[in-house]
Amino acid sequence: MASGCLGARTPVTGSPIPPVVLLDYHRTGGIAGVDDRLVIFDNGAAVISTRAVNREMLVNQTELARINRLFEQAEFDTLQGNYTSRHGGADFMRYSITYHTKSVITEDTAVPTELQPVINEMNAIISTGRSQELATGSLAGIRI
């Protein structure tokens, strides 16, 4: 007769696992004094920060896969940590790229050939990020 919930415990659910930074791309310098940053999390949430605006967006799974392939093709894990010009230049763009736990710093005239497609793609995402913004301007339900 004694049936029901007596003695049954409800499983304790922990807090959701926060997203992990997949990619942190930062470009600075140039004559115009550019200071742009793109951070993409493993759940597709992304933040673009420039001198003019900060915006949030979502990167779909297809684009995440494309970004991962670009880093694999560049053999990012095998690159050295620093590729800078010996001569320097006031108008050089400087790039700091962290993918998973590996970081590479480079600048114009010293960018390894295999890394250029990655830089091109990151610049394109920053440039076109407006078109991928959510209509509400927030990451609806995605916690960063």
Protein backbone atom coordinates (compact mmCIF):
# COMPACT_ATOMS: atom_id res chain seq x y z
CA MET A 1 0.00 0.00 0.00
CA ALA A 2 2.83 2.36 0.63
CA SER A 3 3.78 3.33 -2.85
CA GLY A 4 4.63 6.68 -4.23
CA CYS A 5 7.59 8.92 -3.76
CA LEU A 6 8.66 7.97 -0.28
CA GLY A 7 12.32 7.18 -0.27
CA ALA A 8 12.84 8.23 -3.87
CA ARG A 9 15.30 11.01 -4.38
CA THR A 10 15.25 13.48 -7.18
CA PRO A 11 18.62 13.54 -8.91
CA VAL A 12 20.56 16.68 -8.18
CA THR A 13 21.35 18.57 -11.32
CA GLY A 14 24.46 20.69 -11.30
CA SER A 15 24.76 24.04 -12.86
CA PRO A 16 25.24 24.02 -16.61
CA ILE A 17 28.80 23.76 -17.83
CA PRO A 18 29.92 27.18 -19.03
CA PRO A 19 31.13 27.43 -22.61
CA VAL A 20 34.84 27.27 -23.30
CA VAL A 21 36.71 29.81 -25.42
CA LEU A 22 37.45 28.15 -28.75
CA LEU A 23 39.13 31.12 -30.36
CA ASP A 24 40.41 34.52 -29.27
CA TYR A 25 41.55 36.72 -32.16
CA HIS A 26 42.90 40.24 -31.60
CA ARG A 27 44.20 42.56 -34.30
CA THR A 28 45.72 45.93 -33.50
CA GLY A 29 47.70 48.66 -35.19
CA GLY A 30 47.80 50.11 -38.64
CA ILE A 31 47.63 53.76 -39.53
CA ALA A 32 44.02 53.99 -38.30
CA GLY A 33 44.85 52.47 -34.92
CA VAL A 34 42.66 49.40 -35.32
CA ASP A 35 41.76 47.50 -32.15
CA ASP A 36 39.42 44.61 -33.02
CA ARG A 37 38.75 41.46 -31.08
CA LEU A 38 36.74 38.35 -31.86
CA VAL A 39 36.04 35.71 -29.24
CA ILE A 40 34.20 32.55 -30.25
CA PHE A 41 33.01 30.02 -27.69
CA ASP A 42 32.60 26.29 -28.32
CA ASN A 43 28.80 26.67 -28.21
CA GLY A 44 28.82 29.16 -31.11
CA ALA A 45 28.35 32.28 -29.03
CA ALA A 46 30.67 35.02 -30.22
CA VAL A 47 31.58 38.55 -29.24
CA ILE A 48 33.04 41.15 -31.59
CA SER A 49 34.60 44.21 -30.06
CA THR A 50 35.92 47.16 -32.08
CA ARG A 51 36.64 50.78 -31.22
CA ALA A 52 33.16 51.67 -32.45
CA VAL A 53 30.95 48.80 -31.27
CA ASN A 54 30.60 45.68 -29.20
CA ARG A 55 28.24 43.09 -30.58
CA GLU A 56 27.18 39.56 -29.87
CA MET A 57 26.38 36.98 -32.50
CA LEU A 58 25.98 33.28 -33.05
CA VAL A 59 28.27 31.26 -35.26
CA ASN A 60 26.41 28.28 -36.69
CA GLN A 61 27.78 24.73 -36.58
CA THR A 62 28.74 24.81 -40.27
CA GLU A 63 30.87 27.91 -39.73
CA LEU A 64 32.40 26.44 -36.55
CA ALA A 65 33.40 23.36 -38.53
CA ARG A 66 34.88 25.59 -41.26
CA ILE A 67 36.90 27.53 -38.67
CA ASN A 68 38.18 24.30 -37.13
CA ARG A 69 39.23 23.05 -40.59
CA LEU A 70 41.11 26.29 -41.29
CA PHE A 71 43.13 25.85 -38.11
CA GLU A 72 43.78 22.18 -38.92
CA GLN A 73 44.90 23.05 -42.46
CA ALA A 74 47.22 25.74 -41.07
CA GLU A 75 48.65 23.11 -38.71
CA PHE A 76 48.22 25.72 -36.02
CA ASP A 77 49.45 23.39 -33.27
CA THR A 78 52.86 23.14 -34.96
CA LEU A 79 53.41 26.89 -35.47
CA GLN A 80 55.88 28.79 -33.35
CA GLY A 81 54.50 31.24 -30.81
CA ASN A 82 55.99 34.40 -32.31
CA TYR A 83 56.34 35.64 -35.89
CA THR A 84 57.26 39.30 -35.79
CA SER A 85 59.22 41.50 -38.14
CA ARG A 86 62.81 42.32 -37.28
CA HIS A 87 62.42 45.80 -38.70
CA GLY A 88 59.10 46.81 -37.15
CA GLY A 89 56.78 49.33 -38.63
CA ALA A 90 54.46 51.94 -37.20
CA ASP A 91 51.66 50.97 -39.56
CA PHE A 92 51.93 47.17 -39.21
CA MET A 93 48.91 45.19 -38.09
CA ARG A 94 49.65 42.87 -35.17
CA TYR A 95 47.66 39.66 -34.70
CA SER A 96 47.29 37.63 -31.54
CA ILE A 97 45.50 34.33 -32.10
CA THR A 98 44.65 31.78 -29.43
CA TYR A 99 42.96 28.60 -30.60
CA HIS A 100 42.12 26.18 -27.79
CA THR A 101 45.24 26.60 -25.64
CA LYS A 102 47.82 27.47 -28.32
CA SER A 103 48.71 31.13 -28.97
CA VAL A 104 50.52 32.71 -31.90
CA ILE A 105 51.51 36.35 -32.30
CA THR A 106 52.40 37.70 -35.70
CA GLU A 107 52.37 40.94 -37.67
CA ASP A 108 52.31 42.18 -41.24
CA THR A 109 55.35 41.12 -43.29
CA ALA A 110 55.94 38.16 -40.96
CA VAL A 111 52.65 36.22 -41.19
CA PRO A 112 53.35 32.56 -42.04
CA THR A 113 51.75 31.64 -45.36
CA GLU A 114 49.73 28.82 -43.80
CA LEU A 115 48.24 31.24 -41.23
CA GLN A 116 47.01 33.83 -43.75
CA PRO A 117 43.70 32.03 -44.53
CA VAL A 118 42.91 32.00 -40.79
CA ILE A 119 43.57 35.73 -40.51
CA ASN A 120 41.51 36.42 -43.63
CA GLU A 121 38.56 34.46 -42.22
CA MET A 122 38.72 36.14 -38.81
CA ASN A 123 38.83 39.57 -40.47
CA ALA A 124 35.84 38.62 -42.62
CA ILE A 125 33.85 37.53 -39.57
CA ILE A 126 34.61 40.83 -37.84
CA SER A 127 33.65 42.77 -40.98
CA THR A 128 30.42 40.90 -41.65
CA GLY A 129 29.41 40.27 -38.04
CA ARG A 130 26.61 42.80 -38.28
CA SER A 131 24.71 40.63 -40.72
CA GLN A 132 24.85 37.65 -38.36
CA GLU A 133 23.68 39.49 -35.25
CA LEU A 134 20.55 38.24 -33.60
CA ALA A 135 17.54 40.45 -34.10
CA THR A 136 17.28 41.03 -30.37
CA GLY A 137 20.92 42.05 -30.08
CA SER A 138 21.55 39.41 -27.42
CA LEU A 139 22.49 35.79 -27.42
CA ALA A 140 19.01 34.56 -26.48
CA GLY A 141 19.60 31.78 -24.01
CA ILE A 142 23.32 31.33 -24.67
CA ARG A 143 25.39 32.04 -21.59
CA ILE A 144 28.85 33.43 -22.07
